Amino acid sequence: MRRHLQASAWLGGSLAALAFSAALAAEGPAGYRSAELGMAFDEVMAELERDAAVVNFTASETEDGDRLIDGELDAVDEPQTDLRYVFPAGSDALALVVAFHPEVTDYPRVRERLEERYGQPWEAEMTEWWFEQLKGGMPQEPSSLTVWGGDGSEDTERGRFVRLWSFEDYLTVEYLDTQLFPR
């Protein structure tokens, strides 16, 4: 699990890079499994204790003050998955859940499940634009990015997205609400 969590070290302290994307999204995902974006740390811990498929979870804090919960998904018919729940420094609201899939061969199955849940991903042009904006700040060059989000008006925009990143030897799925990151 450590190898995959280190690959996302750019999240703790570099979360401001995501803030620009709030203007681009509309209503999106509510969260991951029973943990909803915006839930307080204690609420997420209680949900994880009830969720028998999330195991080996521990809490920690980064040097930058982000609170993290790391765990593993151990569910039938689901690929092996390491999980990270992120509460940005100065906030008690869940803003990001990252699911790390250590097998890049899981890509078709993971993408299919995301399409079943969220419909068709964004148009290729929007995803390519976002890919070019974000890939330079990552510790490892990603192979691809697929994004799900809404396309509502400013009245319904909430900055919530699901992003499927593929790398040479693993995948990540990010469930995030950019409005929950400190500005």
N, C-alpha and C. Protein backbone atom coordinates (compact mmCIF):
# COMPACT_ATOMS: atom_id res chain seq x y z
N MET A 1 0.82 -1.19 0.00
CA MET A 1 0.00 0.00 0.00
C MET A 1 0.87 1.26 0.00
N ARG A 2 1.99 1.24 0.69
CA ARG A 2 2.86 2.40 0.79
C ARG A 2 3.29 2.93 -0.59
N ARG A 3 3.62 2.03 -1.51
CA ARG A 3 4.09 2.45 -2.83
C ARG A 3 3.04 3.31 -3.51
N HIS A 4 1.79 2.92 -3.42
CA HIS A 4 0.73 3.66 -4.09
C HIS A 4 0.41 4.94 -3.35
N LEU A 5 0.51 4.92 -2.04
CA LEU A 5 0.21 6.12 -1.28
C LEU A 5 1.30 7.17 -1.47
N GLN A 6 2.54 6.75 -1.64
CA GLN A 6 3.61 7.70 -1.89
C GLN A 6 3.40 8.39 -3.24
N ALA A 7 2.86 7.67 -4.19
CA ALA A 7 2.61 8.26 -5.50
C ALA A 7 1.61 9.39 -5.43
N SER A 8 0.83 9.43 -4.38
CA SER A 8 -0.15 10.51 -4.25
C SER A 8 0.28 11.53 -3.22
N ALA A 9 1.54 11.53 -2.84
CA ALA A 9 2.03 12.47 -1.84
C ALA A 9 1.80 13.92 -2.28
N TRP A 10 1.71 14.14 -3.57
CA TRP A 10 1.48 15.49 -4.06
C TRP A 10 0.14 16.04 -3.58
N LEU A 11 -0.75 15.15 -3.11
CA LEU A 11 -2.06 15.60 -2.63
C LEU A 11 -1.95 16.42 -1.36
N GLY A 12 -1.17 15.93 -0.39
CA GLY A 12 -1.03 16.63 0.88
C GLY A 12 -0.15 17.85 0.71
N GLY A 13 -0.70 19.04 0.75
CA GLY A 13 0.07 20.26 0.59
C GLY A 13 -0.03 20.84 -0.82
N SER A 14 -0.39 20.05 -1.79
CA SER A 14 -0.51 20.54 -3.16
C SER A 14 -1.96 20.56 -3.61
N LEU A 15 -2.86 20.54 -2.67
CA LEU A 15 -4.28 20.46 -3.00
C LEU A 15 -4.79 21.73 -3.68
N ALA A 16 -4.08 22.81 -3.52
CA ALA A 16 -4.53 24.05 -4.15
C ALA A 16 -4.57 23.93 -5.67
N ALA A 17 -3.77 23.05 -6.23
CA ALA A 17 -3.77 22.88 -7.68
C ALA A 17 -5.12 22.42 -8.21
N LEU A 18 -5.92 21.82 -7.35
CA LEU A 18 -7.23 21.35 -7.77
C LEU A 18 -8.29 22.44 -7.75
N ALA A 19 -8.04 23.51 -7.01
CA ALA A 19 -9.06 24.51 -6.78
C ALA A 19 -9.57 25.16 -8.06
N PHE A 20 -8.68 25.34 -9.06
CA PHE A 20 -9.11 26.00 -10.29
C PHE A 20 -10.23 25.25 -10.97
N SER A 21 -10.35 23.98 -10.74
CA SER A 21 -11.32 23.17 -11.46
C SER A 21 -12.75 23.35 -10.95
N ALA A 22 -12.93 24.02 -9.84
CA ALA A 22 -14.28 24.18 -9.29
C ALA A 22 -15.21 24.88 -10.27
N ALA A 23 -14.67 25.78 -11.05
CA ALA A 23 -15.51 26.52 -11.98
C ALA A 23 -15.97 25.68 -13.16
N LEU A 24 -15.40 24.50 -13.33
CA LEU A 24 -15.71 23.69 -14.50
C LEU A 24 -16.76 22.62 -14.26
N ALA A 25 -17.12 22.36 -13.01
CA ALA A 25 -17.94 21.19 -12.72
C ALA A 25 -19.34 21.54 -12.26
N ALA A 26 -20.18 20.54 -12.33
CA ALA A 26 -21.53 20.65 -11.79
C ALA A 26 -21.74 19.48 -10.87
N GLU A 27 -22.97 19.27 -10.47
CA GLU A 27 -23.30 18.17 -9.55
C GLU A 27 -22.63 16.89 -10.00
N GLY A 28 -22.00 16.23 -9.11
CA GLY A 28 -21.28 15.02 -9.44
C GLY A 28 -21.48 13.96 -8.38
N PRO A 29 -20.45 13.19 -8.11
CA PRO A 29 -20.57 12.07 -7.18
C PRO A 29 -20.81 12.55 -5.75
N ALA A 30 -21.47 11.72 -4.98
CA ALA A 30 -21.73 12.04 -3.58
C ALA A 30 -20.56 11.63 -2.70
N GLY A 31 -19.77 10.65 -3.12
CA GLY A 31 -18.64 10.17 -2.34
C GLY A 31 -18.26 8.79 -2.79
N TYR A 32 -17.66 8.04 -1.87
CA TYR A 32 -17.22 6.68 -2.18
C TYR A 32 -17.83 5.73 -1.15
N ARG A 33 -18.57 4.76 -1.62
CA ARG A 33 -19.28 3.81 -0.76
C ARG A 33 -20.13 4.60 0.24
N SER A 34 -20.00 4.35 1.53
CA SER A 34 -20.85 5.03 2.51
C SER A 34 -20.26 6.35 3.01
N ALA A 35 -19.05 6.69 2.62
CA ALA A 35 -18.43 7.95 3.03
C ALA A 35 -18.77 9.03 2.01
N GLU A 36 -19.54 10.02 2.44
CA GLU A 36 -19.96 11.08 1.54
C GLU A 36 -19.02 12.27 1.64
N LEU A 37 -18.76 12.89 0.49
CA LEU A 37 -17.97 14.11 0.48
C LEU A 37 -18.64 15.14 1.38
N GLY A 38 -17.85 15.82 2.20
CA GLY A 38 -18.38 16.80 3.13
C GLY A 38 -18.61 16.26 4.53
N MET A 39 -18.60 14.93 4.69
CA MET A 39 -18.78 14.33 6.02
C MET A 39 -17.61 14.71 6.92
N ALA A 40 -17.88 14.82 8.22
CA ALA A 40 -16.84 15.09 9.21
C ALA A 40 -15.98 13.84 9.42
N PHE A 41 -14.77 14.05 9.90
CA PHE A 41 -13.81 12.98 10.13
C PHE A 41 -14.43 11.86 10.97
N ASP A 42 -15.05 12.21 12.11
CA ASP A 42 -15.64 11.20 12.99
C ASP A 42 -16.78 10.45 12.32
N GLU A 43 -17.54 11.12 11.47
CA GLU A 43 -18.62 10.45 10.74
C GLU A 43 -18.05 9.43 9.76
N VAL A 44 -16.99 9.79 9.06
CA VAL A 44 -16.37 8.87 8.11
C VAL A 44 -15.81 7.66 8.86
N MET A 45 -15.13 7.90 9.99
CA MET A 45 -14.60 6.78 10.78
C MET A 45 -15.73 5.83 11.20
N ALA A 46 -16.86 6.37 11.62
CA ALA A 46 -18.00 5.54 12.02
C ALA A 46 -18.53 4.73 10.84
N GLU A 47 -18.62 5.36 9.66
CA GLU A 47 -19.08 4.65 8.46
C GLU A 47 -18.12 3.52 8.10
N LEU A 48 -16.83 3.77 8.19
CA LEU A 48 -15.85 2.75 7.86
C LEU A 48 -15.91 1.58 8.84
N GLU A 49 -16.17 1.86 10.09
CA GLU A 49 -16.31 0.79 11.08
C GLU A 49 -17.51 -0.10 10.76
N ARG A 50 -18.56 0.47 10.16
CA ARG A 50 -19.75 -0.31 9.78
C ARG A 50 -19.58 -1.03 8.45
N ASP A 51 -18.67 -0.56 7.61
CA ASP A 51 -18.48 -1.13 6.28
C ASP A 51 -17.48 -2.28 6.36
N ALA A 52 -17.99 -3.50 6.37
CA ALA A 52 -17.14 -4.69 6.53
C ALA A 52 -16.16 -4.88 5.38
N ALA A 53 -16.40 -4.24 4.25
CA ALA A 53 -15.51 -4.40 3.10
C ALA A 53 -14.29 -3.49 3.17
N VAL A 54 -14.33 -2.46 4.01
CA VAL A 54 -13.17 -1.58 4.19
C VAL A 54 -12.45 -2.05 5.45
N VAL A 55 -11.21 -2.50 5.26
CA VAL A 55 -10.45 -3.11 6.36
C VAL A 55 -9.11 -2.41 6.54
N ASN A 56 -8.48 -2.70 7.66
CA ASN A 56 -7.11 -2.23 7.95
C ASN A 56 -6.99 -0.71 7.81
N PHE A 57 -7.96 0.03 8.34
CA PHE A 57 -7.88 1.47 8.19
C PHE A 57 -7.21 2.10 9.42
N THR A 58 -6.43 3.13 9.13
CA THR A 58 -5.70 3.87 10.16
C THR A 58 -5.79 5.36 9.84
N ALA A 59 -5.69 6.17 10.87
CA ALA A 59 -5.74 7.62 10.71
C ALA A 59 -4.36 8.21 10.96
N SER A 60 -4.05 9.29 10.25
CA SER A 60 -2.77 9.99 10.43
C SER A 60 -2.95 11.44 10.01
N GLU A 61 -1.90 12.22 10.20
CA GLU A 61 -1.91 13.61 9.78
C GLU A 61 -0.60 13.92 9.09
N THR A 62 -0.65 14.70 8.00
CA THR A 62 0.56 15.07 7.27
C THR A 62 1.23 16.25 7.95
N GLU A 63 2.44 16.56 7.55
CA GLU A 63 3.15 17.73 8.07
C GLU A 63 2.40 19.01 7.76
N ASP A 64 1.63 19.00 6.68
CA ASP A 64 0.86 20.17 6.28
C ASP A 64 -0.48 20.28 6.99
N GLY A 65 -0.80 19.31 7.85
CA GLY A 65 -2.04 19.36 8.61
C GLY A 65 -3.23 18.67 7.97
N ASP A 66 -3.04 18.03 6.82
CA ASP A 66 -4.13 17.26 6.23
C ASP A 66 -4.35 16.02 7.10
N ARG A 67 -5.61 15.68 7.35
CA ARG A 67 -5.93 14.45 8.07
C ARG A 67 -6.27 13.38 7.04
N LEU A 68 -5.71 12.18 7.26
CA LEU A 68 -5.87 11.08 6.32
C LEU A 68 -6.40 9.85 7.02
N ILE A 69 -7.18 9.10 6.30
CA ILE A 69 -7.57 7.75 6.72
C ILE A 69 -7.16 6.85 5.56
N ASP A 70 -6.30 5.88 5.84
CA ASP A 70 -5.87 4.91 4.84
C ASP A 70 -6.48 3.57 5.17
N GLY A 71 -6.90 2.84 4.16
CA GLY A 71 -7.50 1.53 4.35
C GLY A 71 -7.42 0.71 3.08
N GLU A 72 -8.06 -0.43 3.11
CA GLU A 72 -8.09 -1.33 1.96
C GLU A 72 -9.51 -1.81 1.73
N LEU A 73 -9.88 -1.95 0.47
CA LEU A 73 -11.17 -2.53 0.12
C LEU A 73 -10.97 -4.02 -0.08
N ASP A 74 -11.72 -4.81 0.65
CA ASP A 74 -11.66 -6.27 0.56
C ASP A 74 -13.08 -6.76 0.29
N ALA A 75 -13.50 -6.61 -0.97
CA ALA A 75 -14.87 -6.93 -1.36
C ALA A 75 -14.88 -7.96 -2.48
N VAL A 76 -15.85 -8.85 -2.43
CA VAL A 76 -16.02 -9.84 -3.47
C VAL A 76 -16.34 -9.12 -4.79
N ASP A 77 -15.77 -9.62 -5.88
CA ASP A 77 -16.00 -9.06 -7.21
C ASP A 77 -15.50 -7.64 -7.39
N GLU A 78 -14.60 -7.19 -6.53
CA GLU A 78 -13.98 -5.87 -6.67
C GLU A 78 -12.47 -6.07 -6.79
N PRO A 79 -11.81 -5.27 -7.61
CA PRO A 79 -10.35 -5.40 -7.69
C PRO A 79 -9.70 -4.97 -6.38
N GLN A 80 -8.49 -5.47 -6.14
CA GLN A 80 -7.73 -5.07 -4.96
C GLN A 80 -7.60 -3.56 -4.98
N THR A 81 -7.89 -2.91 -3.85
CA THR A 81 -7.93 -1.46 -3.81
C THR A 81 -7.42 -0.94 -2.49
N ASP A 82 -6.43 -0.04 -2.54
CA ASP A 82 -6.00 0.71 -1.37
C ASP A 82 -6.75 2.03 -1.39
N LEU A 83 -7.15 2.50 -0.22
CA LEU A 83 -7.99 3.70 -0.13
C LEU A 83 -7.32 4.78 0.70
N ARG A 84 -7.56 6.03 0.32
CA ARG A 84 -7.13 7.18 1.12
C ARG A 84 -8.27 8.19 1.13
N TYR A 85 -8.67 8.57 2.35
CA TYR A 85 -9.69 9.58 2.58
C TYR A 85 -8.95 10.83 3.06
N VAL A 86 -9.18 12.00 2.42
CA VAL A 86 -8.42 13.20 2.71
C VAL A 86 -9.33 14.30 3.24
N PHE A 87 -8.91 14.86 4.39
CA PHE A 87 -9.55 16.01 5.02
C PHE A 87 -8.51 17.12 4.99
N PRO A 88 -8.64 18.13 4.13
CA PRO A 88 -7.60 19.15 4.01
C PRO A 88 -7.36 19.89 5.33
N ALA A 89 -6.14 20.38 5.49
CA ALA A 89 -5.76 21.14 6.68
C ALA A 89 -6.77 22.26 6.92
N GLY A 90 -7.16 22.42 8.16
CA GLY A 90 -8.09 23.47 8.53
C GLY A 90 -9.54 23.14 8.26
N SER A 91 -9.83 21.91 7.85
CA SER A 91 -11.20 21.52 7.54
C SER A 91 -11.51 20.16 8.15
N ASP A 92 -12.74 19.99 8.57
CA ASP A 92 -13.18 18.70 9.07
C ASP A 92 -14.12 18.02 8.07
N ALA A 93 -14.04 18.43 6.82
CA ALA A 93 -14.92 17.89 5.78
C ALA A 93 -14.13 17.01 4.82
N LEU A 94 -14.66 15.81 4.54
CA LEU A 94 -14.05 14.91 3.57
C LEU A 94 -14.11 15.56 2.20
N ALA A 95 -12.94 15.80 1.59
CA ALA A 95 -12.87 16.48 0.31
C ALA A 95 -12.42 15.58 -0.82
N LEU A 96 -11.78 14.45 -0.49
CA LEU A 96 -11.19 13.62 -1.53
C LEU A 96 -11.09 12.18 -1.03
N VAL A 97 -11.46 11.24 -1.89
CA VAL A 97 -11.20 9.82 -1.65
C VAL A 97 -10.45 9.32 -2.86
N VAL A 98 -9.31 8.66 -2.61
CA VAL A 98 -8.51 8.11 -3.70
C VAL A 98 -8.50 6.60 -3.55
N ALA A 99 -8.88 5.92 -4.61
CA ALA A 99 -8.84 4.45 -4.66
C ALA A 99 -7.68 4.06 -5.58
N PHE A 100 -6.70 3.34 -5.02
CA PHE A 100 -5.51 2.91 -5.76
C PHE A 100 -5.70 1.46 -6.18
N HIS A 101 -5.60 1.21 -7.45
CA HIS A 101 -5.70 -0.15 -7.99
C HIS A 101 -4.31 -0.54 -8.48
N PRO A 102 -3.65 -1.49 -7.81
CA PRO A 102 -2.27 -1.82 -8.17
C PRO A 102 -2.11 -2.59 -9.47
N GLU A 103 -3.18 -2.93 -10.12
CA GLU A 103 -3.10 -3.67 -11.39
C GLU A 103 -3.69 -2.83 -12.51
N VAL A 104 -2.84 -2.37 -13.42
CA VAL A 104 -3.32 -1.57 -14.53
C VAL A 104 -4.26 -2.37 -15.42
N THR A 105 -4.17 -3.68 -15.37
CA THR A 105 -5.06 -4.52 -16.17
C THR A 105 -6.51 -4.43 -15.70
N ASP A 106 -6.75 -3.85 -14.52
CA ASP A 106 -8.11 -3.65 -14.02
C ASP A 106 -8.82 -2.49 -14.72
N TYR A 107 -8.12 -1.74 -15.56
CA TYR A 107 -8.67 -0.54 -16.17
C TYR A 107 -10.04 -0.76 -16.83
N PRO A 108 -10.20 -1.75 -17.72
CA PRO A 108 -11.51 -1.89 -18.37
C PRO A 108 -12.64 -2.14 -17.36
N ARG A 109 -12.39 -2.96 -16.37
CA ARG A 109 -13.41 -3.26 -15.37
C ARG A 109 -13.74 -2.04 -14.51
N VAL A 110 -12.73 -1.30 -14.11
CA VAL A 110 -12.94 -0.10 -13.29
C VAL A 110 -13.70 0.95 -14.10
N ARG A 111 -13.28 1.18 -15.34
CA ARG A 111 -13.97 2.18 -16.17
C ARG A 111 -15.42 1.78 -16.43
N GLU A 112 -15.66 0.51 -16.70
CA GLU A 112 -17.03 0.04 -16.93
C GLU A 112 -17.92 0.31 -15.72
N ARG A 113 -17.42 0.05 -14.54
CA ARG A 113 -18.21 0.30 -13.32
C ARG A 113 -18.48 1.78 -13.12
N LEU A 114 -17.50 2.62 -13.43
CA LEU A 114 -17.70 4.06 -13.32
C LEU A 114 -18.74 4.55 -14.33
N GLU A 115 -18.70 4.02 -15.55
CA GLU A 115 -19.70 4.39 -16.56
C GLU A 115 -21.09 3.93 -16.15
N GLU A 116 -21.20 2.75 -15.56
CA GLU A 116 -22.49 2.28 -15.08
C GLU A 116 -23.06 3.22 -14.03
N ARG A 117 -22.20 3.73 -13.19
CA ARG A 117 -22.65 4.58 -12.09
C ARG A 117 -22.85 6.04 -12.50
N TYR A 118 -21.93 6.59 -13.32
CA TYR A 118 -21.93 8.02 -13.61
C TYR A 118 -22.25 8.36 -15.06
N GLY A 119 -22.49 7.36 -15.89
CA GLY A 119 -22.80 7.63 -17.29
C GLY A 119 -21.53 7.82 -18.11
N GLN A 120 -21.67 8.46 -19.24
CA GLN A 120 -20.53 8.68 -20.13
C GLN A 120 -19.61 9.75 -19.55
N PRO A 121 -18.30 9.56 -19.72
CA PRO A 121 -17.36 10.57 -19.23
C PRO A 121 -17.42 11.84 -20.07
N TRP A 122 -16.69 12.85 -19.62
CA TRP A 122 -16.62 14.11 -20.33
C TRP A 122 -16.10 13.93 -21.74
N GLU A 123 -16.39 14.90 -22.55
CA GLU A 123 -15.87 14.93 -23.91
C GLU A 123 -14.35 14.86 -23.89
N ALA A 124 -13.77 14.30 -24.89
CA ALA A 124 -12.32 14.12 -24.96
C ALA A 124 -11.56 15.44 -24.87
N GLU A 125 -12.09 16.51 -25.47
CA GLU A 125 -11.39 17.79 -25.48
C GLU A 125 -11.25 18.35 -24.06
N MET A 126 -12.31 18.28 -23.26
CA MET A 126 -12.26 18.80 -21.90
C MET A 126 -11.30 17.96 -21.04
N THR A 127 -11.37 16.65 -21.20
CA THR A 127 -10.49 15.78 -20.44
C THR A 127 -9.04 16.02 -20.83
N GLU A 128 -8.77 16.18 -22.11
CA GLU A 128 -7.40 16.43 -22.57
C GLU A 128 -6.87 17.74 -22.01
N TRP A 129 -7.72 18.77 -21.98
CA TRP A 129 -7.31 20.06 -21.42
C TRP A 129 -6.93 19.89 -19.96
N TRP A 130 -7.77 19.19 -19.19
CA TRP A 130 -7.51 18.99 -17.76
C TRP A 130 -6.25 18.14 -17.57
N PHE A 131 -6.10 17.10 -18.38
CA PHE A 131 -4.93 16.24 -18.33
C PHE A 131 -3.65 17.06 -18.49
N GLU A 132 -3.60 17.94 -19.48
CA GLU A 132 -2.43 18.77 -19.73
C GLU A 132 -2.17 19.72 -18.56
N GLN A 133 -3.22 20.23 -17.92
CA GLN A 133 -3.06 21.15 -16.80
C GLN A 133 -2.47 20.46 -15.57
N LEU A 134 -2.87 19.23 -15.31
CA LEU A 134 -2.51 18.56 -14.05
C LEU A 134 -1.30 17.65 -14.12
N LYS A 135 -1.00 17.08 -15.27
CA LYS A 135 0.02 16.04 -15.32
C LYS A 135 1.41 16.53 -14.94
N GLY A 136 1.73 17.76 -15.20
CA GLY A 136 3.06 18.28 -14.89
C GLY A 136 3.38 18.30 -13.41
N GLY A 137 2.38 18.42 -12.55
CA GLY A 137 2.61 18.49 -11.12
C GLY A 137 2.59 17.14 -10.43
N MET A 138 2.52 16.07 -11.20
CA MET A 138 2.42 14.74 -10.61
C MET A 138 3.80 14.09 -10.52
N PRO A 139 4.01 13.27 -9.49
CA PRO A 139 5.33 12.64 -9.32
C PRO A 139 5.66 11.61 -10.40
N GLN A 140 4.65 11.06 -11.05
CA GLN A 140 4.86 10.12 -12.14
C GLN A 140 3.95 10.53 -13.28
N GLU A 141 4.46 10.50 -14.49
CA GLU A 141 3.67 10.90 -15.66
C GLU A 141 2.51 9.92 -15.86
N PRO A 142 1.27 10.40 -15.85
CA PRO A 142 0.14 9.51 -16.10
C PRO A 142 0.03 9.15 -17.58
N SER A 143 -0.59 7.99 -17.83
CA SER A 143 -0.83 7.55 -19.20
C SER A 143 -2.11 8.14 -19.76
N SER A 144 -3.14 8.24 -18.91
CA SER A 144 -4.42 8.76 -19.39
C SER A 144 -5.25 9.28 -18.22
N LEU A 145 -6.27 10.03 -18.57
CA LEU A 145 -7.22 10.59 -17.61
C LEU A 145 -8.61 10.51 -18.23
N THR A 146 -9.57 10.03 -17.44
CA THR A 146 -10.98 10.04 -17.83
C THR A 146 -11.72 10.72 -16.69
N VAL A 147 -12.64 11.64 -17.02
CA VAL A 147 -13.30 12.45 -16.00
C VAL A 147 -14.81 12.36 -16.15
N TRP A 148 -15.48 12.21 -15.01
CA TRP A 148 -16.93 12.29 -14.93
C TRP A 148 -17.28 13.49 -14.06
N GLY A 149 -18.26 14.24 -14.47
CA GLY A 149 -18.73 15.38 -13.72
C GLY A 149 -19.99 15.88 -14.39
N GLY A 150 -20.58 16.85 -13.80
CA GLY A 150 -21.80 17.39 -14.38
C GLY A 150 -21.51 18.51 -15.35
N ASP A 151 -22.55 19.02 -15.96
CA ASP A 151 -22.40 20.17 -16.85
C ASP A 151 -23.55 21.14 -16.61
N GLY A 152 -23.91 21.32 -15.33
CA GLY A 152 -25.01 22.19 -14.97
C GLY A 152 -24.62 23.65 -14.98
N SER A 153 -25.55 24.49 -14.57
CA SER A 153 -25.31 25.93 -14.52
C SER A 153 -24.55 26.29 -13.25
N GLU A 154 -24.17 27.57 -13.14
CA GLU A 154 -23.47 28.01 -11.94
C GLU A 154 -24.29 27.78 -10.69
N ASP A 155 -25.61 27.83 -10.80
CA ASP A 155 -26.47 27.62 -9.64
C ASP A 155 -26.34 26.21 -9.08
N THR A 156 -26.01 25.24 -9.94
CA THR A 156 -25.94 23.86 -9.47
C THR A 156 -24.51 23.34 -9.41
N GLU A 157 -23.54 24.15 -9.78
CA GLU A 157 -22.15 23.69 -9.74
C GLU A 157 -21.73 23.44 -8.31
N ARG A 158 -21.07 22.32 -8.13
CA ARG A 158 -20.61 21.97 -6.79
C ARG A 158 -19.16 21.53 -6.78
N GLY A 159 -18.52 21.48 -7.92
CA GLY A 159 -17.11 21.13 -7.97
C GLY A 159 -16.82 19.67 -7.68
N ARG A 160 -17.75 18.78 -7.95
CA ARG A 160 -17.54 17.35 -7.69
C ARG A 160 -17.23 16.60 -8.98
N PHE A 161 -16.23 15.72 -8.87
CA PHE A 161 -15.74 14.98 -10.02
C PHE A 161 -15.36 13.57 -9.62
N VAL A 162 -15.28 12.71 -10.60
CA VAL A 162 -14.60 11.42 -10.48
C VAL A 162 -13.56 11.43 -11.58
N ARG A 163 -12.30 11.15 -11.20
CA ARG A 163 -11.21 11.13 -12.18
C ARG A 163 -10.54 9.76 -12.13
N LEU A 164 -10.45 9.13 -13.27
CA LEU A 164 -9.76 7.85 -13.42
C LEU A 164 -8.43 8.13 -14.11
N TRP A 165 -7.34 7.96 -13.36
CA TRP A 165 -5.99 8.13 -13.88
C TRP A 165 -5.40 6.75 -14.12
N SER A 166 -4.72 6.58 -15.25
CA SER A 166 -3.97 5.35 -15.46
C SER A 166 -2.49 5.71 -15.54
N PHE A 167 -1.69 4.88 -14.92
CA PHE A 167 -0.24 5.03 -14.91
C PHE A 167 0.35 3.74 -15.48
N GLU A 168 1.64 3.70 -15.60
CA GLU A 168 2.28 2.53 -16.18
C GLU A 168 1.97 1.24 -15.42
N ASP A 169 1.93 1.32 -14.08
CA ASP A 169 1.76 0.10 -13.30
C ASP A 169 0.63 0.14 -12.27
N TYR A 170 -0.24 1.13 -12.31
CA TYR A 170 -1.39 1.17 -11.41
C TYR A 170 -2.43 2.17 -11.93
N LEU A 171 -3.59 2.17 -11.29
CA LEU A 171 -4.68 3.09 -11.58
C LEU A 171 -5.06 3.82 -10.31
N THR A 172 -5.60 5.02 -10.42
CA THR A 172 -6.24 5.68 -9.29
C THR A 172 -7.59 6.22 -9.74
N VAL A 173 -8.54 6.16 -8.84
CA VAL A 173 -9.83 6.80 -9.05
C VAL A 173 -9.99 7.80 -7.92
N GLU A 174 -10.21 9.06 -8.28
CA GLU A 174 -10.37 10.13 -7.30
C GLU A 174 -11.82 10.59 -7.29
N TYR A 175 -12.39 10.63 -6.12
CA TYR A 175 -13.72 11.18 -5.90
C TYR A 175 -13.46 12.48 -5.14
N LEU A 176 -13.73 13.64 -5.76
CA LEU A 176 -13.36 14.86 -5.09
C LEU A 176 -14.38 15.97 -5.22
N ASP A 177 -14.34 16.83 -4.22
CA ASP A 177 -15.15 18.04 -4.22
C ASP A 177 -14.17 19.20 -4.04
N THR A 178 -13.87 19.90 -5.12
CA THR A 178 -12.87 20.96 -5.07
C THR A 178 -13.29 22.14 -4.21
N GLN A 179 -14.57 22.30 -3.96
CA GLN A 179 -15.02 23.42 -3.14
C GLN A 179 -14.72 23.20 -1.66
N LEU A 180 -14.37 21.98 -1.29
CA LEU A 180 -14.05 21.70 0.12
C LEU A 180 -12.59 21.92 0.45
N PHE A 181 -11.77 22.31 -0.54
CA PHE A 181 -10.37 22.61 -0.28
C PHE A 181 -10.25 24.07 0.12
N PRO A 182 -9.41 24.37 1.11
CA PRO A 182 -9.24 25.79 1.51
C PRO A 182 -8.73 26.60 0.33
N ARG A 183 -9.18 27.79 0.25
CA ARG A 183 -8.77 28.67 -0.87
C ARG A 183 -7.64 29.57 -0.47
